[in-house]
Every structure is written in C-alpha cells, then in structure tokens.
Amino acid sequence: MPLLIDPDRWLLAVDKRRFVRKAQSNGAVTLGKRFYYLGQEWVGKYVNLEVAAHSKEFVVWQKDKVIKRVGIKGLVGQELGQAEYLQLIKEEAQTEARQS
C-alpha cells in the first residue's frame, strides 16, 4: 500500500494563529506571496487574518468583528502519493528559484 501525504496538514499546526496586515490601496492584504481582496472600505486599515484550519480559510477580523472569510490560497486540497508529492515540491522549488 503506497504512503499518502497530506501537503496541507501544516494548517493544523497554525490553527487559530493570527497575522496582522494593513490593507493596501487596492483593498487587498498580502500574506506570503498571496493577495486577499477585502474591499475598498478597508484601505489603510489594519486587520487580523486568523487561520481556520478545518475550513481552510482565513477569518478576517477588524477590531472585535469578523468582516470576511477568505479561502487560503495555494493549498493542494487532497492527499498525494509519494511520487506525486515529490513532483509537487520539486516544481514549487523550481518556481521559487526562478522568482528569486
């Protein structure tokens, strides 16, 4: 039986963690290399993006109010066999090297 790997399992390790970001002039925040659009009404304001691992989304807070939920970008969404996983991380490393 082949070993299956869940490339999104890391989410569980950061569940409920919050990241503070300031909404840019286009109404989006950046986390990692991904953009998350919040809306023009949030330009210049600070928000917290809280990891909700089980729903695979960020819960976006402004002060003590949830303003939006956005799906976490870049997830694989399924378990992979060893060969598939190796190919995936190889491609990600090559992409990263090209962008550096």
Protein backbone atom coordinates (compact mmCIF):
# COMPACT_ATOMS: atom_id res chain seq x y z
CA MET A 1 0.00 0.00 0.00
CA PRO A 2 1.52 3.35 -1.03
CA LEU A 3 2.08 6.03 1.57
CA LEU A 4 -0.21 9.05 1.22
CA ILE A 5 0.94 12.51 2.20
CA ASP A 6 -1.36 15.42 3.06
CA PRO A 7 0.52 18.52 1.84
CA ASP A 8 -2.00 20.79 3.60
CA ARG A 9 -1.60 19.21 7.04
CA TRP A 10 0.64 22.07 8.19
CA LEU A 11 -2.54 24.12 8.64
CA LEU A 12 -3.33 22.20 11.83
CA ALA A 13 -0.05 23.39 13.38
CA VAL A 14 -1.01 27.05 12.86
CA ASP A 15 -4.75 26.78 13.57
CA LYS A 16 -6.08 29.95 15.26
CA ARG A 17 -2.83 31.84 14.65
CA ARG A 18 -3.34 35.47 13.68
CA PHE A 19 -1.41 37.63 11.25
CA VAL A 20 -1.75 41.43 11.29
CA ARG A 21 -1.80 43.15 7.93
CA LYS A 22 -2.62 46.63 6.62
CA ALA A 23 -4.98 46.78 3.64
CA GLN A 24 -3.22 48.25 0.62
CA SER A 25 -4.54 50.97 -1.70
CA ASN A 26 -6.28 48.31 -3.80
CA GLY A 27 -8.22 46.95 -0.80
CA ALA A 28 -6.14 43.78 -0.52
CA VAL A 29 -3.74 42.36 2.04
CA THR A 30 -0.73 40.19 1.33
CA LEU A 31 0.18 37.07 3.27
CA GLY A 32 3.16 35.17 1.97
CA LYS A 33 3.06 35.77 -1.76
CA ARG A 34 -0.74 35.66 -1.97
CA PHE A 35 -3.18 38.55 -2.21
CA TYR A 36 -6.55 38.53 -0.47
CA TYR A 37 -9.08 41.14 -1.53
CA LEU A 38 -11.08 42.64 1.33
CA GLY A 39 -12.71 45.67 -0.28
CA GLN A 40 -12.06 49.37 -0.76
CA GLU A 41 -13.63 50.22 2.60
CA TRP A 42 -10.64 48.61 4.34
CA VAL A 43 -7.87 50.60 2.58
CA GLY A 44 -5.30 51.76 5.12
CA LYS A 45 -6.85 49.82 8.00
CA TYR A 46 -5.22 47.04 9.98
CA VAL A 47 -6.86 43.63 10.09
CA ASN A 48 -6.10 40.26 11.66
CA LEU A 49 -6.19 37.16 9.50
CA GLU A 50 -6.89 34.15 11.72
CA VAL A 51 -6.17 30.66 10.39
CA ALA A 52 -9.23 28.40 10.48
CA ALA A 53 -7.55 25.10 9.64
CA HIS A 54 -10.60 22.87 9.37
CA SER A 55 -12.44 25.16 6.94
CA LYS A 56 -9.17 26.04 5.16
CA GLU A 57 -9.80 29.75 5.30
CA PHE A 58 -8.72 32.96 6.98
CA VAL A 59 -11.23 34.62 9.25
CA VAL A 60 -10.60 38.34 8.81
CA TRP A 61 -11.11 40.47 11.91
CA GLN A 62 -11.15 44.23 12.29
CA LYS A 63 -11.04 45.01 15.99
CA ASP A 64 -13.51 42.54 17.54
CA LYS A 65 -15.69 41.99 14.47
CA VAL A 66 -15.41 39.35 11.74
CA ILE A 67 -15.56 41.22 8.44
CA LYS A 68 -14.91 38.44 5.95
CA ARG A 69 -13.81 34.86 5.39
CA VAL A 70 -11.44 34.06 2.54
CA GLY A 71 -10.16 30.71 1.35
CA ILE A 72 -6.46 30.08 1.90
CA LYS A 73 -4.75 30.17 -1.48
CA GLY A 74 -2.13 27.71 -2.64
CA LEU A 75 -3.49 24.61 -0.93
CA VAL A 76 -3.41 21.26 -2.72
CA GLY A 77 -6.73 20.01 -1.37
CA GLN A 78 -6.03 16.29 -1.49
CA GLU A 79 -3.61 13.63 -0.31
CA LEU A 80 -0.84 12.66 -2.70
CA GLY A 81 1.25 9.56 -3.23
CA GLN A 82 4.98 9.85 -2.59
CA ALA A 83 5.86 10.28 -6.27
CA GLU A 84 3.17 12.94 -6.78
CA TYR A 85 4.26 14.79 -3.65
CA LEU A 86 7.91 14.71 -4.70
CA GLN A 87 6.95 16.12 -8.12
CA LEU A 88 4.89 18.87 -6.46
CA ILE A 89 7.66 20.06 -4.14
CA LYS A 90 10.19 19.85 -6.97
CA GLU A 91 8.01 22.13 -9.13
CA GLU A 92 7.49 24.54 -6.23
CA ALA A 93 11.26 24.72 -5.62
CA GLN A 94 11.91 25.41 -9.32
CA THR A 95 9.28 28.15 -9.36
CA GLU A 96 10.77 29.70 -6.23
CA ALA A 97 14.27 29.61 -7.73
CA ARG A 98 13.05 31.35 -10.91
CA GLN A 99 11.34 34.09 -8.90
CA SER A 100 14.42 34.79 -6.75
